[in-house]
N, C-alpha and C. Protein backbone atom coordinates (compact mmCIF):
# COMPACT_ATOMS: atom_id res chain seq x y z
N MET A 1 160.20 54.25 82.57
CA MET A 1 159.01 55.04 82.50
C MET A 1 158.05 54.42 81.48
N GLU A 2 156.78 54.38 81.83
CA GLU A 2 155.78 53.77 80.96
C GLU A 2 155.36 54.72 79.85
N ALA A 3 155.11 54.15 78.70
CA ALA A 3 154.59 54.94 77.58
C ALA A 3 153.10 55.10 77.74
N ARG A 4 152.61 56.32 77.61
CA ARG A 4 151.18 56.54 77.73
C ARG A 4 150.47 56.07 76.48
N LYS A 5 149.35 55.43 76.69
CA LYS A 5 148.55 54.96 75.56
C LYS A 5 147.53 56.04 75.23
N LYS A 6 147.52 56.47 73.96
CA LYS A 6 146.57 57.49 73.53
C LYS A 6 145.21 56.86 73.30
N VAL A 7 144.20 57.49 73.83
CA VAL A 7 142.84 57.03 73.64
C VAL A 7 142.20 57.91 72.56
N ARG A 8 141.76 57.28 71.47
CA ARG A 8 141.11 58.02 70.40
C ARG A 8 139.63 58.14 70.70
N VAL A 9 139.17 59.35 70.85
CA VAL A 9 137.75 59.60 71.09
C VAL A 9 137.06 59.68 69.73
N GLU A 10 136.10 58.79 69.50
CA GLU A 10 135.35 58.77 68.25
C GLU A 10 133.89 59.06 68.54
N LYS A 11 133.28 59.82 67.67
CA LYS A 11 131.85 60.12 67.80
C LYS A 11 131.22 60.07 66.41
N ILE A 12 129.91 59.92 66.40
CA ILE A 12 129.15 59.89 65.16
C ILE A 12 128.21 61.08 65.18
N GLY A 13 128.17 61.81 64.06
CA GLY A 13 127.32 62.99 63.99
C GLY A 13 126.84 63.23 62.58
N LYS A 14 126.09 64.31 62.43
CA LYS A 14 125.50 64.65 61.14
C LYS A 14 126.04 66.01 60.70
N VAL A 15 126.45 66.10 59.43
CA VAL A 15 126.97 67.35 58.89
C VAL A 15 125.81 68.31 58.69
N ILE A 16 125.88 69.48 59.32
CA ILE A 16 124.79 70.45 59.19
C ILE A 16 125.21 71.66 58.37
N SER A 17 126.52 71.84 58.14
CA SER A 17 126.98 72.95 57.30
C SER A 17 128.24 72.54 56.57
N SER A 18 128.26 72.76 55.26
CA SER A 18 129.44 72.44 54.46
C SER A 18 129.85 73.65 53.62
N LYS A 19 129.64 74.83 54.14
CA LYS A 19 129.92 76.06 53.40
C LYS A 19 131.38 76.47 53.47
N LEU A 20 132.11 75.95 54.44
CA LEU A 20 133.51 76.34 54.62
C LEU A 20 134.43 75.44 53.80
N GLU A 21 135.59 75.97 53.44
CA GLU A 21 136.58 75.21 52.68
C GLU A 21 137.35 74.30 53.63
N LYS A 22 137.30 72.99 53.39
CA LYS A 22 137.99 71.97 54.17
C LYS A 22 137.53 71.89 55.63
N SER A 23 136.35 72.41 55.93
CA SER A 23 135.80 72.35 57.28
C SER A 23 134.32 72.04 57.21
N ARG A 24 133.83 71.35 58.21
CA ARG A 24 132.41 71.03 58.30
C ARG A 24 131.94 71.27 59.73
N VAL A 25 130.68 71.63 59.87
CA VAL A 25 130.06 71.73 61.19
C VAL A 25 129.26 70.46 61.38
N VAL A 26 129.56 69.73 62.45
CA VAL A 26 128.94 68.43 62.71
C VAL A 26 128.12 68.52 63.99
N LEU A 27 126.88 68.04 63.93
CA LEU A 27 125.99 68.01 65.08
C LEU A 27 126.13 66.66 65.75
N ILE A 28 126.53 66.67 67.02
CA ILE A 28 126.65 65.43 67.80
C ILE A 28 125.49 65.40 68.79
N GLU A 29 124.75 64.31 68.77
CA GLU A 29 123.58 64.18 69.63
C GLU A 29 123.78 63.01 70.57
N ARG A 30 123.44 63.21 71.85
CA ARG A 30 123.55 62.12 72.82
C ARG A 30 122.33 62.14 73.73
N ARG A 31 122.03 60.98 74.30
CA ARG A 31 120.90 60.86 75.21
C ARG A 31 121.41 60.77 76.64
N VAL A 32 120.84 61.60 77.51
CA VAL A 32 121.28 61.67 78.90
C VAL A 32 120.08 61.40 79.79
N GLN A 33 120.29 60.54 80.78
CA GLN A 33 119.21 60.21 81.72
C GLN A 33 119.23 61.18 82.90
N HIS A 34 118.06 61.69 83.27
CA HIS A 34 117.95 62.58 84.41
C HIS A 34 118.21 61.77 85.69
N PRO A 35 119.03 62.29 86.60
CA PRO A 35 119.40 61.49 87.78
C PRO A 35 118.25 61.16 88.71
N ILE A 36 117.25 62.01 88.79
CA ILE A 36 116.14 61.75 89.72
C ILE A 36 114.94 61.15 89.00
N TYR A 37 114.53 61.78 87.90
CA TYR A 37 113.29 61.39 87.24
C TYR A 37 113.47 60.26 86.23
N LYS A 38 114.70 59.92 85.90
CA LYS A 38 115.02 58.80 85.01
C LYS A 38 114.47 58.97 83.59
N LYS A 39 114.10 60.18 83.23
CA LYS A 39 113.63 60.44 81.88
C LYS A 39 114.85 60.77 81.01
N TYR A 40 114.81 60.34 79.75
CA TYR A 40 115.92 60.60 78.84
C TYR A 40 115.69 61.90 78.09
N ALA A 41 116.73 62.68 77.97
CA ALA A 41 116.69 63.93 77.21
C ALA A 41 117.81 63.91 76.18
N ARG A 42 117.59 64.60 75.07
CA ARG A 42 118.62 64.69 74.04
C ARG A 42 119.43 65.94 74.25
N LYS A 43 120.74 65.79 74.22
CA LYS A 43 121.64 66.93 74.29
C LYS A 43 122.43 66.97 73.00
N THR A 44 122.58 68.17 72.44
CA THR A 44 123.27 68.31 71.17
C THR A 44 124.45 69.25 71.33
N ARG A 45 125.42 69.09 70.43
CA ARG A 45 126.58 69.95 70.41
C ARG A 45 127.09 70.06 68.98
N ASN A 46 127.46 71.27 68.60
CA ASN A 46 128.04 71.50 67.28
C ASN A 46 129.55 71.58 67.41
N VAL A 47 130.27 70.85 66.56
CA VAL A 47 131.72 70.91 66.55
C VAL A 47 132.19 71.15 65.12
N MET A 48 133.36 71.77 65.00
CA MET A 48 133.98 71.96 63.70
C MET A 48 134.90 70.78 63.44
N ALA A 49 134.82 70.21 62.24
CA ALA A 49 135.64 69.05 61.89
C ALA A 49 136.38 69.32 60.59
N HIS A 50 137.58 68.78 60.49
CA HIS A 50 138.41 68.96 59.30
C HIS A 50 138.05 67.92 58.25
N ASP A 51 137.83 68.38 57.03
CA ASP A 51 137.54 67.51 55.89
C ASP A 51 138.46 67.94 54.75
N GLY A 52 139.67 67.40 54.72
CA GLY A 52 140.70 67.85 53.81
C GLY A 52 140.36 67.73 52.34
N LYS A 53 139.56 66.76 51.95
CA LYS A 53 139.24 66.53 50.54
C LYS A 53 137.88 67.05 50.13
N ASN A 54 137.16 67.69 51.06
CA ASN A 54 135.83 68.24 50.79
C ASN A 54 134.88 67.20 50.21
N ILE A 55 134.85 66.01 50.80
CA ILE A 55 134.01 64.94 50.26
C ILE A 55 132.65 64.84 50.94
N SER A 56 132.49 65.41 52.12
CA SER A 56 131.20 65.30 52.81
C SER A 56 130.32 66.48 52.46
N LYS A 57 129.03 66.24 52.48
CA LYS A 57 128.03 67.26 52.16
C LYS A 57 127.05 67.37 53.33
N GLU A 58 126.17 68.35 53.26
CA GLU A 58 125.15 68.51 54.30
C GLU A 58 124.23 67.30 54.32
N GLY A 59 123.89 66.85 55.52
CA GLY A 59 123.00 65.71 55.68
C GLY A 59 123.70 64.38 55.82
N ASP A 60 125.01 64.33 55.56
CA ASP A 60 125.75 63.08 55.69
C ASP A 60 125.97 62.72 57.16
N THR A 61 125.93 61.44 57.45
CA THR A 61 126.28 60.94 58.78
C THR A 61 127.74 60.52 58.72
N VAL A 62 128.56 61.09 59.63
CA VAL A 62 130.00 60.87 59.56
C VAL A 62 130.54 60.41 60.91
N ARG A 63 131.70 59.75 60.86
CA ARG A 63 132.44 59.39 62.07
C ARG A 63 133.59 60.37 62.19
N ILE A 64 133.70 61.02 63.36
CA ILE A 64 134.78 61.97 63.58
C ILE A 64 135.64 61.49 64.73
N VAL A 65 136.91 61.88 64.69
CA VAL A 65 137.86 61.47 65.72
C VAL A 65 138.55 62.72 66.24
N GLN A 66 138.81 62.74 67.53
CA GLN A 66 139.46 63.88 68.15
C GLN A 66 140.94 63.91 67.78
N CYS A 67 141.48 65.11 67.55
CA CYS A 67 142.87 65.25 67.15
C CYS A 67 143.46 66.50 67.79
N ARG A 68 144.68 66.81 67.44
CA ARG A 68 145.32 68.02 67.96
C ARG A 68 144.61 69.25 67.40
N PRO A 69 144.76 70.40 68.03
CA PRO A 69 144.12 71.60 67.51
C PRO A 69 144.63 71.96 66.12
N LEU A 70 143.73 72.06 65.16
CA LEU A 70 144.08 72.40 63.79
C LEU A 70 143.89 73.89 63.51
N SER A 71 143.01 74.53 64.24
CA SER A 71 142.78 75.97 64.14
C SER A 71 142.13 76.42 65.45
N LYS A 72 141.60 77.62 65.44
CA LYS A 72 141.00 78.15 66.67
C LYS A 72 139.85 77.29 67.17
N LEU A 73 139.04 76.77 66.26
CA LEU A 73 137.85 76.00 66.65
C LEU A 73 137.89 74.53 66.27
N LYS A 74 138.78 74.12 65.39
CA LYS A 74 138.78 72.74 64.89
C LYS A 74 139.63 71.83 65.76
N ARG A 75 138.99 70.81 66.34
CA ARG A 75 139.67 69.80 67.16
C ARG A 75 139.31 68.39 66.74
N TRP A 76 138.61 68.23 65.62
CA TRP A 76 138.12 66.94 65.15
C TRP A 76 138.46 66.76 63.68
N LYS A 77 138.56 65.49 63.25
CA LYS A 77 138.76 65.16 61.84
C LYS A 77 137.67 64.19 61.42
N ILE A 78 137.22 64.31 60.19
CA ILE A 78 136.25 63.35 59.64
C ILE A 78 137.03 62.14 59.14
N VAL A 79 136.70 60.96 59.68
CA VAL A 79 137.40 59.74 59.33
C VAL A 79 136.71 59.04 58.17
N GLU A 80 135.38 58.91 58.25
CA GLU A 80 134.64 58.24 57.18
C GLU A 80 133.21 58.72 57.14
N ILE A 81 132.60 58.53 55.98
CA ILE A 81 131.19 58.86 55.80
C ILE A 81 130.41 57.56 55.94
N LEU A 82 129.54 57.51 56.93
CA LEU A 82 128.78 56.29 57.19
C LEU A 82 127.54 56.20 56.31
N GLU A 83 126.88 57.33 56.08
CA GLU A 83 125.65 57.32 55.32
C GLU A 83 125.51 58.64 54.58
N ARG A 84 125.16 58.58 53.32
CA ARG A 84 124.98 59.77 52.52
C ARG A 84 123.61 60.39 52.81
N GLY A 85 123.56 61.72 52.84
CA GLY A 85 122.30 62.43 53.06
C GLY A 85 121.51 62.53 51.78
N GLU A 86 120.36 63.16 51.88
CA GLU A 86 119.51 63.32 50.71
C GLU A 86 120.08 64.40 49.81
N GLU A 87 120.01 64.17 48.50
CA GLU A 87 120.46 65.16 47.52
C GLU A 87 119.38 66.22 47.37
N ARG A 88 119.80 67.47 47.30
CA ARG A 88 118.83 68.55 47.12
C ARG A 88 118.75 68.95 45.68
């Protein structure tokens, strides 16, 4: 029997809320082309991501990876911070 190869789904998004303990809300934005009119539209989605060390803040651009369910809404983990946001 063959061993299944796990595919890690990685996405890049922006942290829009860091009010929760060890959790962040990340906005993922993608561009989708209309099938008939060929115009591009932006589609966004908010996901909850696990941040065990509480190192990310609002406005940071982060790389997240899909993982097993960690809670009712959390299915992603923050792997690294690509760019720091503006300090308030």
